[in-house]
Amino acid sequence: MSPRGLCPSGLLVRGGHTALSWGVSLVLLQHRTDLRSQEERGELLQPLAFLLLVLCSVMLYFAVSLMDPGYVLSDSEGQNLVYNNIQEDLTKQPSKPLHLRRCGYCLLQQPMRARHCQSCQHCVRRFDHHCPWIQNCVGERNHPLFILYLAVQLMALLWALQIAWSGFQGKETTQDWLRHNAILLAAFITVVISTIVMILLLGSQLYLISCNVTTWEFMSHHRISYLKYYDVDSNPFDKGVPCNLWDFFCRCHSVLWESIYFQDRKGLV
């Protein structure tokens, strides 16, 4: 569990997410929506499937929120040996050798693509970003699960959007319509906003993953020591979209990014 998992802000945000998810679901079940009509007819397959989808999204949220995103907890002697070999070989190249730094906050040697998170007070391997909604970093260990959470959450939101739309009842005047549909309208607007945010977030994440670029690297390319030798459109870790997606979703172990970076830099002049 993340050391920030039980802090007041974390409990507040996670409690708010849970309350919002089940609150919207309860509104959809209480109004005259297609879901409610199926429930009254005894057709429970779709209502149960929707509730299970919401439950799955909430469980994934807590899993991503509370798990270790890939904290760097100590220096590895084996890792340092590889670093030394890479550094020794890089000095033979005409380009400037790679500077292997220690974190100025936790004083641990940072693996390539790691970054110190001020909110979590840890260096995180393959740091992507710190997400305030999950109150945790998105890094090497929880990034694939974060994408799965976004996908499941988006499916639940799109289904909720259809259910909420089916529940609006026509009235003779606008005032009567608002009075009758006020709560459902609030739930519908919440779902619409959440859906737009989720589509933009999931789309941008999948694009960056397909290029093997993290959000931090994309936003701070010019300030990162191991990327400043490359053009904005160049990436030493890019192996092509199929390989990038395969490595991201199917890789079950940490990657020594220094070795991949060094192989790419051999071609630099």
C-alpha atoms as a PDB file:
ATOM      1  CA  MET A   1       0.000   0.000   0.000  1.00  0.00           C
ATOM      2  CA  SER A   2       1.178   3.538  -0.721  1.00  0.00           C
ATOM      3  CA  PRO A   3       2.442   5.374   2.361  1.00  0.00           C
ATOM      4  CA  ARG A   4       0.004   8.118   1.469  1.00  0.00           C
ATOM      5  CA  GLY A   5      -2.888   5.711   1.245  1.00  0.00           C
ATOM      6  CA  LEU A   6      -4.272   6.503   4.687  1.00  0.00           C
ATOM      7  CA  CYS A   7      -3.632  10.267   4.767  1.00  0.00           C
ATOM      8  CA  PRO A   8      -6.686  12.536   5.218  1.00  0.00           C
ATOM      9  CA  SER A   9      -6.574  13.943   1.682  1.00  0.00           C
ATOM     10  CA  GLY A  10      -6.284  10.441   0.230  1.00  0.00           C
ATOM     11  CA  LEU A  11      -9.239   9.175   2.266  1.00  0.00           C
ATOM     12  CA  LEU A  12     -11.293  12.209   1.236  1.00  0.00           C
ATOM     13  CA  VAL A  13     -10.598  11.852  -2.479  1.00  0.00           C
ATOM     14  CA  ARG A  14     -11.111   8.079  -2.521  1.00  0.00           C
ATOM     15  CA  GLY A  15     -14.284   8.408  -0.471  1.00  0.00           C
ATOM     16  CA  GLY A  16     -15.543  11.062  -2.874  1.00  0.00           C
ATOM     17  CA  HIS A  17     -14.830   8.838  -5.884  1.00  0.00           C
ATOM     18  CA  THR A  18     -16.678   5.899  -4.307  1.00  0.00           C
ATOM     19  CA  ALA A  19     -19.646   8.036  -3.227  1.00  0.00           C
ATOM     20  CA  LEU A  20     -19.916   9.633  -6.684  1.00  0.00           C
ATOM     21  CA  SER A  21     -19.750   6.291  -8.500  1.00  0.00           C
ATOM     22  CA  TRP A  22     -22.431   4.622  -6.413  1.00  0.00           C
ATOM     23  CA  GLY A  23     -24.483   7.808  -6.056  1.00  0.00           C
ATOM     24  CA  VAL A  24     -24.860   8.172  -9.837  1.00  0.00           C
ATOM     25  CA  SER A  25     -25.643   4.447 -10.123  1.00  0.00           C
ATOM     26  CA  LEU A  26     -28.347   4.772  -7.463  1.00  0.00           C
ATOM     27  CA  VAL A  27     -29.921   7.731  -9.294  1.00  0.00           C
ATOM     28  CA  LEU A  28     -30.060   5.702 -12.510  1.00  0.00           C
ATOM     29  CA  LEU A  29     -31.712   2.817 -10.681  1.00  0.00           C
ATOM     30  CA  GLN A  30     -34.286   5.026  -8.957  1.00  0.00           C
ATOM     31  CA  HIS A  31     -35.526   6.944 -11.999  1.00  0.00           C
ATOM     32  CA  ARG A  32     -37.646   5.652 -14.870  1.00  0.00           C
ATOM     33  CA  THR A  33     -34.704   4.606 -17.004  1.00  0.00           C
ATOM     34  CA  ASP A  34     -34.359   1.554 -19.224  1.00  0.00           C
ATOM     35  CA  LEU A  35     -32.402  -0.049 -16.397  1.00  0.00           C
ATOM     36  CA  ARG A  36     -35.225   0.481 -13.923  1.00  0.00           C
ATOM     37  CA  SER A  37     -37.821  -0.823 -16.402  1.00  0.00           C
ATOM     38  CA  GLN A  38     -35.821  -4.039 -16.929  1.00  0.00           C
ATOM     39  CA  GLU A  39     -35.487  -4.474 -13.177  1.00  0.00           C
ATOM     40  CA  GLU A  40     -39.252  -4.121 -12.682  1.00  0.00           C
ATOM     41  CA  ARG A  41     -39.907  -6.704 -15.410  1.00  0.00           C
ATOM     42  CA  GLY A  42     -37.602  -9.141 -13.670  1.00  0.00           C
ATOM     43  CA  GLU A  43     -34.945  -8.882 -16.387  1.00  0.00           C
ATOM     44  CA  LEU A  44     -31.948  -8.600 -14.102  1.00  0.00           C
ATOM     45  CA  LEU A  45     -29.109  -9.443 -16.494  1.00  0.00           C
ATOM     46  CA  GLN A  46     -28.335  -5.902 -17.654  1.00  0.00           C
ATOM     47  CA  PRO A  47     -28.878  -4.205 -14.246  1.00  0.00           C
ATOM     48  CA  LEU A  48     -26.550  -6.718 -12.610  1.00  0.00           C
ATOM     49  CA  ALA A  49     -24.004  -6.381 -15.417  1.00  0.00           C
ATOM     50  CA  PHE A  50     -24.022  -2.589 -15.034  1.00  0.00           C
ATOM     51  CA  LEU A  51     -23.561  -2.787 -11.264  1.00  0.00           C
ATOM     52  CA  LEU A  52     -20.735  -5.307 -11.695  1.00  0.00           C
ATOM     53  CA  LEU A  53     -19.051  -2.973 -14.193  1.00  0.00           C
ATOM     54  CA  VAL A  54     -19.275  -0.092 -11.714  1.00  0.00           C
ATOM     55  CA  LEU A  55     -17.958  -2.361  -8.946  1.00  0.00           C
ATOM     56  CA  CYS A  56     -15.068  -3.432 -11.158  1.00  0.00           C
ATOM     57  CA  SER A  57     -14.168   0.186 -11.923  1.00  0.00           C
ATOM     58  CA  VAL A  58     -14.200   1.092  -8.220  1.00  0.00           C
ATOM     59  CA  MET A  59     -12.029  -1.911  -7.330  1.00  0.00           C
ATOM     60  CA  LEU A  60      -9.543  -1.035 -10.089  1.00  0.00           C
ATOM     61  CA  TYR A  61      -9.496   2.539  -8.839  1.00  0.00           C
ATOM     62  CA  PHE A  62      -8.515   1.417  -5.348  1.00  0.00           C
ATOM     63  CA  ALA A  63      -5.959  -1.056  -6.708  1.00  0.00           C
ATOM     64  CA  VAL A  64      -4.223   1.652  -8.780  1.00  0.00           C
ATOM     65  CA  SER A  65      -4.574   4.196  -6.005  1.00  0.00           C
ATOM     66  CA  LEU A  66      -3.084   2.103  -3.199  1.00  0.00           C
ATOM     67  CA  MET A  67      -0.402   0.037  -4.936  1.00  0.00           C
ATOM     68  CA  ASP A  68       3.296   0.809  -5.163  1.00  0.00           C
ATOM     69  CA  PRO A  69       3.788   2.624  -8.512  1.00  0.00           C
ATOM     70  CA  GLY A  70       7.441   1.580  -8.650  1.00  0.00           C
ATOM     71  CA  TYR A  71       9.217   3.348  -5.816  1.00  0.00           C
ATOM     72  CA  VAL A  72      13.017   3.360  -5.871  1.00  0.00           C
ATOM     73  CA  LEU A  73      13.832   2.198  -2.332  1.00  0.00           C
ATOM     74  CA  SER A  74      17.555   1.433  -2.496  1.00  0.00           C
ATOM     75  CA  ASP A  75      20.644   1.340  -4.701  1.00  0.00           C
ATOM     76  CA  SER A  76      21.222  -1.988  -6.417  1.00  0.00           C
ATOM     77  CA  GLU A  77      24.824  -3.187  -6.671  1.00  0.00           C
ATOM     78  CA  GLY A  78      24.071  -5.051  -9.870  1.00  0.00           C
ATOM     79  CA  GLN A  79      22.386  -1.990 -11.289  1.00  0.00           C
ATOM     80  CA  ASN A  80      25.372   0.172 -10.369  1.00  0.00           C
ATOM     81  CA  LEU A  81      27.703  -2.254 -12.150  1.00  0.00           C
ATOM     82  CA  VAL A  82      25.660  -1.944 -15.327  1.00  0.00           C
ATOM     83  CA  TYR A  83      25.648   1.838 -14.935  1.00  0.00           C
ATOM     84  CA  ASN A  84      29.439   1.845 -14.646  1.00  0.00           C
ATOM     85  CA  ASN A  85      29.821  -0.290 -17.769  1.00  0.00           C
ATOM     86  CA  ILE A  86      27.482   1.956 -19.716  1.00  0.00           C
ATOM     87  CA  GLN A  87      29.279   5.056 -18.479  1.00  0.00           C
ATOM     88  CA  GLU A  88      32.652   3.579 -19.458  1.00  0.00           C
ATOM     89  CA  ASP A  89      31.427   2.742 -22.966  1.00  0.00           C
ATOM     90  CA  LEU A  90      29.754   6.115 -23.430  1.00  0.00           C
ATOM     91  CA  THR A  91      33.020   7.920 -22.793  1.00  0.00           C
ATOM     92  CA  LYS A  92      34.341   6.282 -25.958  1.00  0.00           C
ATOM     93  CA  GLN A  93      31.566   7.905 -28.000  1.00  0.00           C
ATOM     94  CA  PRO A  94      32.065  11.338 -29.564  1.00  0.00           C
ATOM     95  CA  SER A  95      28.960  12.691 -27.834  1.00  0.00           C
ATOM     96  CA  LYS A  96      28.879  13.925 -24.247  1.00  0.00           C
ATOM     97  CA  PRO A  97      28.747  11.034 -21.718  1.00  0.00           C
ATOM     98  CA  LEU A  98      25.570  10.357 -19.817  1.00  0.00           C
ATOM     99  CA  HIS A  99      25.462  11.869 -16.346  1.00  0.00           C
ATOM    100  CA  LEU A 100      24.090   9.327 -13.878  1.00  0.00           C
ATOM    101  CA  ARG A 101      22.675  11.338 -11.023  1.00  0.00           C
ATOM    102  CA  ARG A 102      21.541  10.833  -7.492  1.00  0.00           C
ATOM    103  CA  CYS A 103      18.253  12.276  -6.386  1.00  0.00           C
ATOM    104  CA  GLY A 104      18.697  15.541  -4.508  1.00  0.00           C
ATOM    105  CA  TYR A 105      15.794  14.692  -2.199  1.00  0.00           C
ATOM    106  CA  CYS A 106      16.051  11.004  -1.232  1.00  0.00           C
ATOM    107  CA  LEU A 107      19.759  10.660  -2.199  1.00  0.00           C
ATOM    108  CA  LEU A 108      19.159   7.388  -4.046  1.00  0.00           C
ATOM    109  CA  GLN A 109      20.608   6.684  -7.476  1.00  0.00           C
ATOM    110  CA  GLN A 110      17.867   7.318  -9.996  1.00  0.00           C
ATOM    111  CA  PRO A 111      17.362   4.724 -12.736  1.00  0.00           C
ATOM    112  CA  MET A 112      16.855   6.272 -16.133  1.00  0.00           C
ATOM    113  CA  ARG A 113      13.285   7.563 -16.659  1.00  0.00           C
ATOM    114  CA  ALA A 114      12.736   7.765 -12.886  1.00  0.00           C
ATOM    115  CA  ARG A 115      11.745  11.025 -11.217  1.00  0.00           C
ATOM    116  CA  HIS A 116      11.248  12.213  -7.665  1.00  0.00           C
ATOM    117  CA  CYS A 117       7.622  12.999  -6.820  1.00  0.00           C
ATOM    118  CA  GLN A 118       7.267  15.832  -4.324  1.00  0.00           C
ATOM    119  CA  SER A 119       3.775  14.663  -3.350  1.00  0.00           C
ATOM    120  CA  CYS A 120       4.736  11.046  -2.632  1.00  0.00           C
ATOM    121  CA  GLN A 121       8.271  11.872  -1.423  1.00  0.00           C
ATOM    122  CA  HIS A 122       9.730   8.997  -3.451  1.00  0.00           C
ATOM    123  CA  CYS A 123      11.553   8.470  -6.724  1.00  0.00           C
ATOM    124  CA  VAL A 124       9.333   6.465  -9.069  1.00  0.00           C
ATOM    125  CA  ARG A 125      10.600   4.189 -11.854  1.00  0.00           C
ATOM    126  CA  ARG A 126       9.418   5.171 -15.347  1.00  0.00           C
ATOM    127  CA  PHE A 127       7.537   8.078 -13.821  1.00  0.00           C
ATOM    128  CA  ASP A 128       4.547   9.172 -15.889  1.00  0.00           C
ATOM    129  CA  HIS A 129       2.726  11.679 -13.670  1.00  0.00           C
ATOM    130  CA  HIS A 130       1.250  12.186 -10.226  1.00  0.00           C
ATOM    131  CA  CYS A 131      -2.528  11.856 -10.462  1.00  0.00           C
ATOM    132  CA  PRO A 132      -4.432  13.846  -7.808  1.00  0.00           C
ATOM    133  CA  TRP A 133      -7.617  11.877  -8.556  1.00  0.00           C
ATOM    134  CA  ILE A 134      -6.049   8.594  -7.433  1.00  0.00           C
ATOM    135  CA  GLN A 135      -3.758  10.338  -4.908  1.00  0.00           C
ATOM    136  CA  ASN A 136      -0.814   8.330  -6.206  1.00  0.00           C
ATOM    137  CA  CYS A 137       1.876   8.384  -8.853  1.00  0.00           C
ATOM    138  CA  VAL A 138       1.471   6.553 -12.138  1.00  0.00           C
ATOM    139  CA  GLY A 139       4.705   4.685 -12.736  1.00  0.00           C
ATOM    140  CA  GLU A 140       6.247   1.465 -13.945  1.00  0.00           C
ATOM    141  CA  ARG A 141       4.266  -0.930 -11.743  1.00  0.00           C
ATOM    142  CA  ASN A 142       0.757   0.531 -11.859  1.00  0.00           C
ATOM    143  CA  HIS A 143       0.688   2.234 -15.270  1.00  0.00           C
ATOM    144  CA  PRO A 144      -0.847  -0.740 -17.182  1.00  0.00           C
ATOM    145  CA  LEU A 145      -3.451  -1.154 -14.439  1.00  0.00           C
ATOM    146  CA  PHE A 146      -4.148   2.577 -14.633  1.00  0.00           C
ATOM    147  CA  ILE A 147      -4.931   2.229 -18.345  1.00  0.00           C
ATOM    148  CA  LEU A 148      -7.215  -0.737 -17.611  1.00  0.00           C
ATOM    149  CA  TYR A 149      -8.999   1.338 -14.973  1.00  0.00           C
ATOM    150  CA  LEU A 150      -9.513   4.195 -17.454  1.00  0.00           C
ATOM    151  CA  ALA A 151     -10.917   1.796 -20.068  1.00  0.00           C
ATOM    152  CA  VAL A 152     -13.336   0.124 -17.634  1.00  0.00           C
ATOM    153  CA  GLN A 153     -14.379   3.481 -16.209  1.00  0.00           C
ATOM    154  CA  LEU A 154     -15.047   4.814 -19.714  1.00  0.00           C
ATOM    155  CA  MET A 155     -17.234   1.803 -20.548  1.00  0.00           C
ATOM    156  CA  ALA A 156     -19.230   2.345 -17.355  1.00  0.00           C
ATOM    157  CA  LEU A 157     -19.625   6.048 -18.128  1.00  0.00           C
ATOM    158  CA  LEU A 158     -20.793   5.473 -21.703  1.00  0.00           C
ATOM    159  CA  TRP A 159     -23.342   2.938 -20.489  1.00  0.00           C
ATOM    160  CA  ALA A 160     -24.469   5.324 -17.728  1.00  0.00           C
ATOM    161  CA  LEU A 161     -24.852   8.057 -20.349  1.00  0.00           C
ATOM    162  CA  GLN A 162     -27.243   5.905 -22.369  1.00  0.00           C
ATOM    163  CA  ILE A 163     -29.175   4.879 -19.264  1.00  0.00           C
ATOM    164  CA  ALA A 164     -29.534   8.455 -18.000  1.00  0.00           C
ATOM    165  CA  TRP A 165     -30.708   9.704 -21.410  1.00  0.00           C
ATOM    166  CA  SER A 166     -33.447   7.075 -21.471  1.00  0.00           C
ATOM    167  CA  GLY A 167     -34.830   8.321 -18.155  1.00  0.00           C
ATOM    168  CA  PHE A 168     -35.747  11.879 -19.124  1.00  0.00           C
ATOM    169  CA  GLN A 169     -39.520  12.349 -19.049  1.00  0.00           C
ATOM    170  CA  GLY A 170     -41.256  14.910 -21.230  1.00  0.00           C
ATOM    171  CA  LYS A 171     -43.369  17.628 -19.525  1.00  0.00           C
ATOM    172  CA  GLU A 172     -45.549  20.464 -20.758  1.00  0.00           C
ATOM    173  CA  THR A 173     -43.363  23.281 -19.427  1.00  0.00           C
ATOM    174  CA  THR A 174     -39.644  23.720 -18.925  1.00  0.00           C
ATOM    175  CA  GLN A 175     -40.174  24.406 -15.231  1.00  0.00           C
ATOM    176  CA  ASP A 176     -42.099  21.156 -14.765  1.00  0.00           C
ATOM    177  CA  TRP A 177     -39.466  19.269 -16.756  1.00  0.00           C
ATOM    178  CA  LEU A 178     -36.635  20.651 -14.602  1.00  0.00           C
ATOM    179  CA  ARG A 179     -38.524  19.917 -11.399  1.00  0.00           C
ATOM    180  CA  HIS A 180     -39.181  16.342 -12.468  1.00  0.00           C
ATOM    181  CA  ASN A 181     -35.729  15.610 -13.932  1.00  0.00           C
ATOM    182  CA  ALA A 182     -33.445  17.799 -11.783  1.00  0.00           C
ATOM    183  CA  ILE A 183     -31.576  14.978 -10.015  1.00  0.00           C
ATOM    184  CA  LEU A 184     -31.291  12.891 -13.163  1.00  0.00           C
ATOM    185  CA  LEU A 185     -30.086  15.960 -15.088  1.00  0.00           C
ATOM    186  CA  ALA A 186     -27.368  16.571 -12.475  1.00  0.00           C
ATOM    187  CA  ALA A 187     -26.259  12.941 -12.778  1.00  0.00           C
ATOM    188  CA  PHE A 188     -26.322  13.204 -16.585  1.00  0.00           C
ATOM    189  CA  ILE A 189     -24.143  16.349 -16.601  1.00  0.00           C
ATOM    190  CA  THR A 190     -21.707  14.703 -14.182  1.00  0.00           C
ATOM    191  CA  VAL A 191     -21.456  11.673 -16.449  1.00  0.00           C
ATOM    192  CA  VAL A 192     -20.998  13.824 -19.576  1.00  0.00           C
ATOM    193  CA  ILE A 193     -18.142  15.815 -18.029  1.00  0.00           C
ATOM    194  CA  SER A 194     -16.502  12.658 -16.668  1.00  0.00           C
ATOM    195  CA  THR A 195     -16.828  10.943 -20.050  1.00  0.00           C
ATOM    196  CA  ILE A 196     -15.151  13.817 -21.902  1.00  0.00           C
ATOM    197  CA  VAL A 197     -12.286  13.900 -19.391  1.00  0.00           C
ATOM    198  CA  MET A 198     -11.884  10.122 -19.547  1.00  0.00           C
ATOM    199  CA  ILE A 199     -11.815  10.053 -23.364  1.00  0.00           C
ATOM    200  CA  LEU A 200      -9.169  12.786 -23.501  1.00  0.00           C
ATOM    201  CA  LEU A 201      -7.069  11.163 -20.782  1.00  0.00           C
ATOM    202  CA  LEU A 202      -7.265   7.643 -22.178  1.00  0.00           C
ATOM    203  CA  GLY A 203      -6.626   8.850 -25.729  1.00  0.00           C
ATOM    204  CA  SER A 204      -3.549  10.856 -24.751  1.00  0.00           C
ATOM    205  CA  GLN A 205      -2.216   8.019 -22.611  1.00  0.00           C
ATOM    206  CA  LEU A 206      -2.584   5.461 -25.400  1.00  0.00           C
ATOM    207  CA  TYR A 207      -0.866   7.793 -27.858  1.00  0.00           C
ATOM    208  CA  LEU A 208       2.114   8.319 -25.540  1.00  0.00           C
ATOM    209  CA  ILE A 209       2.312   4.588 -24.777  1.00  0.00           C
ATOM    210  CA  SER A 210       2.352   3.799 -28.493  1.00  0.00           C
ATOM    211  CA  CYS A 211       5.402   6.095 -28.778  1.00  0.00           C
ATOM    212  CA  ASN A 212       6.990   4.795 -25.546  1.00  0.00           C
ATOM    213  CA  VAL A 213       7.019   8.292 -24.061  1.00  0.00           C
ATOM    214  CA  THR A 214       5.867   9.206 -20.574  1.00  0.00           C
ATOM    215  CA  THR A 215       3.776  12.278 -19.817  1.00  0.00           C
ATOM    216  CA  TRP A 216       6.691  13.771 -17.905  1.00  0.00           C
ATOM    217  CA  GLU A 217       9.071  13.218 -20.832  1.00  0.00           C
ATOM    218  CA  PHE A 218       6.550  14.637 -23.299  1.00  0.00           C
ATOM    219  CA  MET A 219       6.001  17.789 -21.230  1.00  0.00           C
ATOM    220  CA  SER A 220       9.631  18.335 -20.155  1.00  0.00           C
ATOM    221  CA  HIS A 221      11.638  16.987 -23.099  1.00  0.00           C
ATOM    222  CA  HIS A 222      13.973  20.004 -23.228  1.00  0.00           C
ATOM    223  CA  ARG A 223      14.817  19.795 -19.507  1.00  0.00           C
ATOM    224  CA  ILE A 224      15.615  16.052 -19.272  1.00  0.00           C
ATOM    225  CA  SER A 225      19.324  15.260 -19.509  1.00  0.00           C
ATOM    226  CA  TYR A 226      19.016  11.997 -21.434  1.00  0.00           C
ATOM    227  CA  LEU A 227      16.630  13.510 -24.030  1.00  0.00           C
ATOM    228  CA  LYS A 228      18.223  16.881 -24.720  1.00  0.00           C
ATOM    229  CA  TYR A 229      20.525  15.321 -27.338  1.00  0.00           C
ATOM    230  CA  TYR A 230      17.443  14.319 -29.346  1.00  0.00           C
ATOM    231  CA  ASP A 231      14.969  16.321 -31.380  1.00  0.00           C
ATOM    232  CA  VAL A 232      11.473  16.706 -29.983  1.00  0.00           C
ATOM    233  CA  ASP A 233      10.225  14.124 -32.493  1.00  0.00           C
ATOM    234  CA  SER A 234      12.986  11.623 -31.652  1.00  0.00           C
ATOM    235  CA  ASN A 235      12.834   9.073 -28.871  1.00  0.00           C
ATOM    236  CA  PRO A 236      15.621   6.617 -27.981  1.00  0.00           C
ATOM    237  CA  PHE A 237      13.141   4.170 -26.421  1.00  0.00           C
ATOM    238  CA  ASP A 238      10.732   3.932 -29.371  1.00  0.00           C
ATOM    239  CA  LYS A 239      10.728   0.447 -30.955  1.00  0.00           C
ATOM    240  CA  GLY A 240       7.654   0.918 -33.128  1.00  0.00           C
ATOM    241  CA  VAL A 241       3.981   0.967 -32.155  1.00  0.00           C
ATOM    242  CA  PRO A 242       3.389  -2.841 -32.023  1.00  0.00           C
ATOM    243  CA  CYS A 243       6.503  -3.499 -29.915  1.00  0.00           C
ATOM    244  CA  ASN A 244       5.816  -0.508 -27.678  1.00  0.00           C
ATOM    245  CA  LEU A 245       2.278  -1.690 -26.941  1.00  0.00           C
ATOM    246  CA  TRP A 246       3.406  -5.286 -26.449  1.00  0.00           C
ATOM    247  CA  ASP A 247       6.176  -4.288 -24.047  1.00  0.00           C
ATOM    248  CA  PHE A 248       3.896  -1.996 -22.076  1.00  0.00           C
ATOM    249  CA  PHE A 249       0.954  -4.352 -21.587  1.00  0.00           C
ATOM    250  CA  CYS A 250       2.716  -7.738 -21.612  1.00  0.00           C
ATOM    251  CA  ARG A 251       6.075  -7.072 -19.949  1.00  0.00           C
ATOM    252  CA  CYS A 252       6.177  -8.516 -16.429  1.00  0.00           C
ATOM    253  CA  HIS A 253       9.590  -7.258 -15.329  1.00  0.00           C
ATOM    254  CA  SER A 254      11.549  -4.036 -15.001  1.00  0.00           C
ATOM    255  CA  VAL A 255      13.459  -2.787 -18.018  1.00  0.00           C
ATOM    256  CA  LEU A 256      17.016  -1.485 -17.870  1.00  0.00           C
ATOM    257  CA  TRP A 257      16.359   1.630 -19.915  1.00  0.00           C
ATOM    258  CA  GLU A 258      20.050   2.585 -19.779  1.00  0.00           C
ATOM    259  CA  SER A 259      20.981  -0.336 -22.050  1.00  0.00           C
ATOM    260  CA  ILE A 260      18.288   0.576 -24.605  1.00  0.00           C
ATOM    261  CA  TYR A 261      19.346   4.211 -24.485  1.00  0.00           C
ATOM    262  CA  PHE A 262      23.010   3.327 -24.963  1.00  0.00           C
ATOM    263  CA  GLN A 263      22.259   1.112 -27.985  1.00  0.00           C
ATOM    264  CA  ASP A 264      20.387   4.000 -29.585  1.00  0.00           C
ATOM    265  CA  ARG A 265      23.104   6.542 -28.833  1.00  0.00           C
ATOM    266  CA  LYS A 266      25.702   4.471 -30.657  1.00  0.00           C
ATOM    267  CA  GLY A 267      24.130   5.796 -33.842  1.00  0.00           C
ATOM    268  CA  LEU A 268      24.425   9.434 -32.793  1.00  0.00           C
ATOM    269  CA  VAL A 269      27.166  11.582 -34.251  1.00  0.00           C
END
